[in-house]
Amino acid sequence: MIRVLLIFIIPLVLPAGVYVLWRALVPPKYGGSRAIARDEWEPLPWSWLASAGGILMVITIFIMIAYPEFFDF
């Protein structure tokens, strides 16, 4: 189960999670969301987030194939 988490779940969820936390917690002066500061809904760039997650998953699978000794649990 930990292997599935490391290989598939984390690379797909990490970009969206980091982006949402960054936009929600950082003040607008440093790139945070002005809409969240006003308690309004802001649409997320799902295409960019999905692309980043897909790229991270491809890198993880490549490393898993190229260096299988890293994933011997």
C-alpha atoms as a PDB file:
ATOM      1  CA  MET A   1       0.000   0.000   0.000  1.00  0.00           C
ATOM      2  CA  ILE A   2       2.852   2.379   0.762  1.00  0.00           C
ATOM      3  CA  ARG A   3       4.221   1.701  -2.722  1.00  0.00           C
ATOM      4  CA  VAL A   4       0.937   2.749  -4.352  1.00  0.00           C
ATOM      5  CA  LEU A   5       0.882   5.865  -2.194  1.00  0.00           C
ATOM      6  CA  LEU A   6       4.446   6.846  -3.111  1.00  0.00           C
ATOM      7  CA  ILE A   7       4.186   6.036  -6.808  1.00  0.00           C
ATOM      8  CA  PHE A   8       0.707   7.218  -7.780  1.00  0.00           C
ATOM      9  CA  ILE A   9      -1.198   9.147  -5.114  1.00  0.00           C
ATOM     10  CA  ILE A  10       1.421  11.619  -3.869  1.00  0.00           C
ATOM     11  CA  PRO A  11       2.655  12.721  -7.350  1.00  0.00           C
ATOM     12  CA  LEU A  12      -0.931  13.376  -8.451  1.00  0.00           C
ATOM     13  CA  VAL A  13      -2.155  15.143  -5.306  1.00  0.00           C
ATOM     14  CA  LEU A  14       0.984  17.069  -4.318  1.00  0.00           C
ATOM     15  CA  PRO A  15       0.828  19.846  -6.995  1.00  0.00           C
ATOM     16  CA  ALA A  16      -2.823  20.632  -6.276  1.00  0.00           C
ATOM     17  CA  GLY A  17      -2.289  20.532  -2.517  1.00  0.00           C
ATOM     18  CA  VAL A  18       0.744  22.809  -2.585  1.00  0.00           C
ATOM     19  CA  TYR A  19      -0.998  25.247  -4.935  1.00  0.00           C
ATOM     20  CA  VAL A  20      -4.156  25.435  -2.825  1.00  0.00           C
ATOM     21  CA  LEU A  21      -2.183  25.913   0.394  1.00  0.00           C
ATOM     22  CA  TRP A  22       0.018  28.561  -1.213  1.00  0.00           C
ATOM     23  CA  ARG A  23      -2.936  30.516  -2.579  1.00  0.00           C
ATOM     24  CA  ALA A  24      -4.886  30.212   0.681  1.00  0.00           C
ATOM     25  CA  LEU A  25      -2.154  30.964   3.222  1.00  0.00           C
ATOM     26  CA  VAL A  26       0.128  33.500   1.522  1.00  0.00           C
ATOM     27  CA  PRO A  27      -0.945  37.161   1.670  1.00  0.00           C
ATOM     28  CA  PRO A  28      -1.939  38.787  -1.648  1.00  0.00           C
ATOM     29  CA  LYS A  29       1.207  40.941  -1.468  1.00  0.00           C
ATOM     30  CA  TYR A  30       3.327  37.792  -2.026  1.00  0.00           C
ATOM     31  CA  GLY A  31       1.155  36.083  -4.645  1.00  0.00           C
ATOM     32  CA  GLY A  32      -1.743  34.874  -2.536  1.00  0.00           C
ATOM     33  CA  SER A  33      -5.316  35.082  -3.665  1.00  0.00           C
ATOM     34  CA  ARG A  34      -7.211  38.345  -3.362  1.00  0.00           C
ATOM     35  CA  ALA A  35     -10.486  36.421  -3.744  1.00  0.00           C
ATOM     36  CA  ILE A  36      -9.686  34.166  -0.782  1.00  0.00           C
ATOM     37  CA  ALA A  37      -8.751  37.221   1.264  1.00  0.00           C
ATOM     38  CA  ARG A  38     -12.296  38.498   0.561  1.00  0.00           C
ATOM     39  CA  ASP A  39     -13.846  35.054   1.332  1.00  0.00           C
ATOM     40  CA  GLU A  40     -14.854  34.468  -2.294  1.00  0.00           C
ATOM     41  CA  TRP A  41     -14.453  31.388  -4.498  1.00  0.00           C
ATOM     42  CA  GLU A  42     -11.577  31.328  -6.970  1.00  0.00           C
ATOM     43  CA  PRO A  43     -11.359  28.820  -9.860  1.00  0.00           C
ATOM     44  CA  LEU A  44      -8.238  26.667  -9.927  1.00  0.00           C
ATOM     45  CA  PRO A  45      -6.094  26.017 -13.029  1.00  0.00           C
ATOM     46  CA  TRP A  46      -6.944  22.313 -13.209  1.00  0.00           C
ATOM     47  CA  SER A  47      -5.157  21.741 -16.527  1.00  0.00           C
ATOM     48  CA  TRP A  48      -1.850  22.997 -15.097  1.00  0.00           C
ATOM     49  CA  LEU A  49      -2.302  21.050 -11.866  1.00  0.00           C
ATOM     50  CA  ALA A  50      -3.162  17.823 -13.708  1.00  0.00           C
ATOM     51  CA  SER A  51      -0.198  18.305 -16.053  1.00  0.00           C
ATOM     52  CA  ALA A  52       2.196  18.826 -13.132  1.00  0.00           C
ATOM     53  CA  GLY A  53       0.822  15.719 -11.391  1.00  0.00           C
ATOM     54  CA  GLY A  54       1.145  13.678 -14.575  1.00  0.00           C
ATOM     55  CA  ILE A  55       4.736  14.806 -15.097  1.00  0.00           C
ATOM     56  CA  LEU A  56       5.621  13.910 -11.500  1.00  0.00           C
ATOM     57  CA  MET A  57       4.012  10.494 -11.952  1.00  0.00           C
ATOM     58  CA  VAL A  58       5.977   9.857 -15.181  1.00  0.00           C
ATOM     59  CA  ILE A  59       9.221  10.839 -13.418  1.00  0.00           C
ATOM     60  CA  THR A  60       8.361   8.522 -10.522  1.00  0.00           C
ATOM     61  CA  ILE A  61       7.586   5.593 -12.846  1.00  0.00           C
ATOM     62  CA  PHE A  62      10.801   6.230 -14.803  1.00  0.00           C
ATOM     63  CA  ILE A  63      12.827   6.185 -11.577  1.00  0.00           C
ATOM     64  CA  MET A  64      10.981   3.044 -10.481  1.00  0.00           C
ATOM     65  CA  ILE A  65      11.934   1.280 -13.740  1.00  0.00           C
ATOM     66  CA  ALA A  66      15.484   2.643 -13.955  1.00  0.00           C
ATOM     67  CA  TYR A  67      16.366   2.097 -10.293  1.00  0.00           C
ATOM     68  CA  PRO A  68      14.237  -0.772  -8.920  1.00  0.00           C
ATOM     69  CA  GLU A  69      16.438  -1.142  -5.845  1.00  0.00           C
ATOM     70  CA  PHE A  70      14.949   2.097  -4.454  1.00  0.00           C
ATOM     71  CA  PHE A  71      11.539   0.450  -4.247  1.00  0.00           C
ATOM     72  CA  ASP A  72      12.480  -2.848  -2.591  1.00  0.00           C
ATOM     73  CA  PHE A  73      10.483  -2.713   0.620  1.00  0.00           C
END
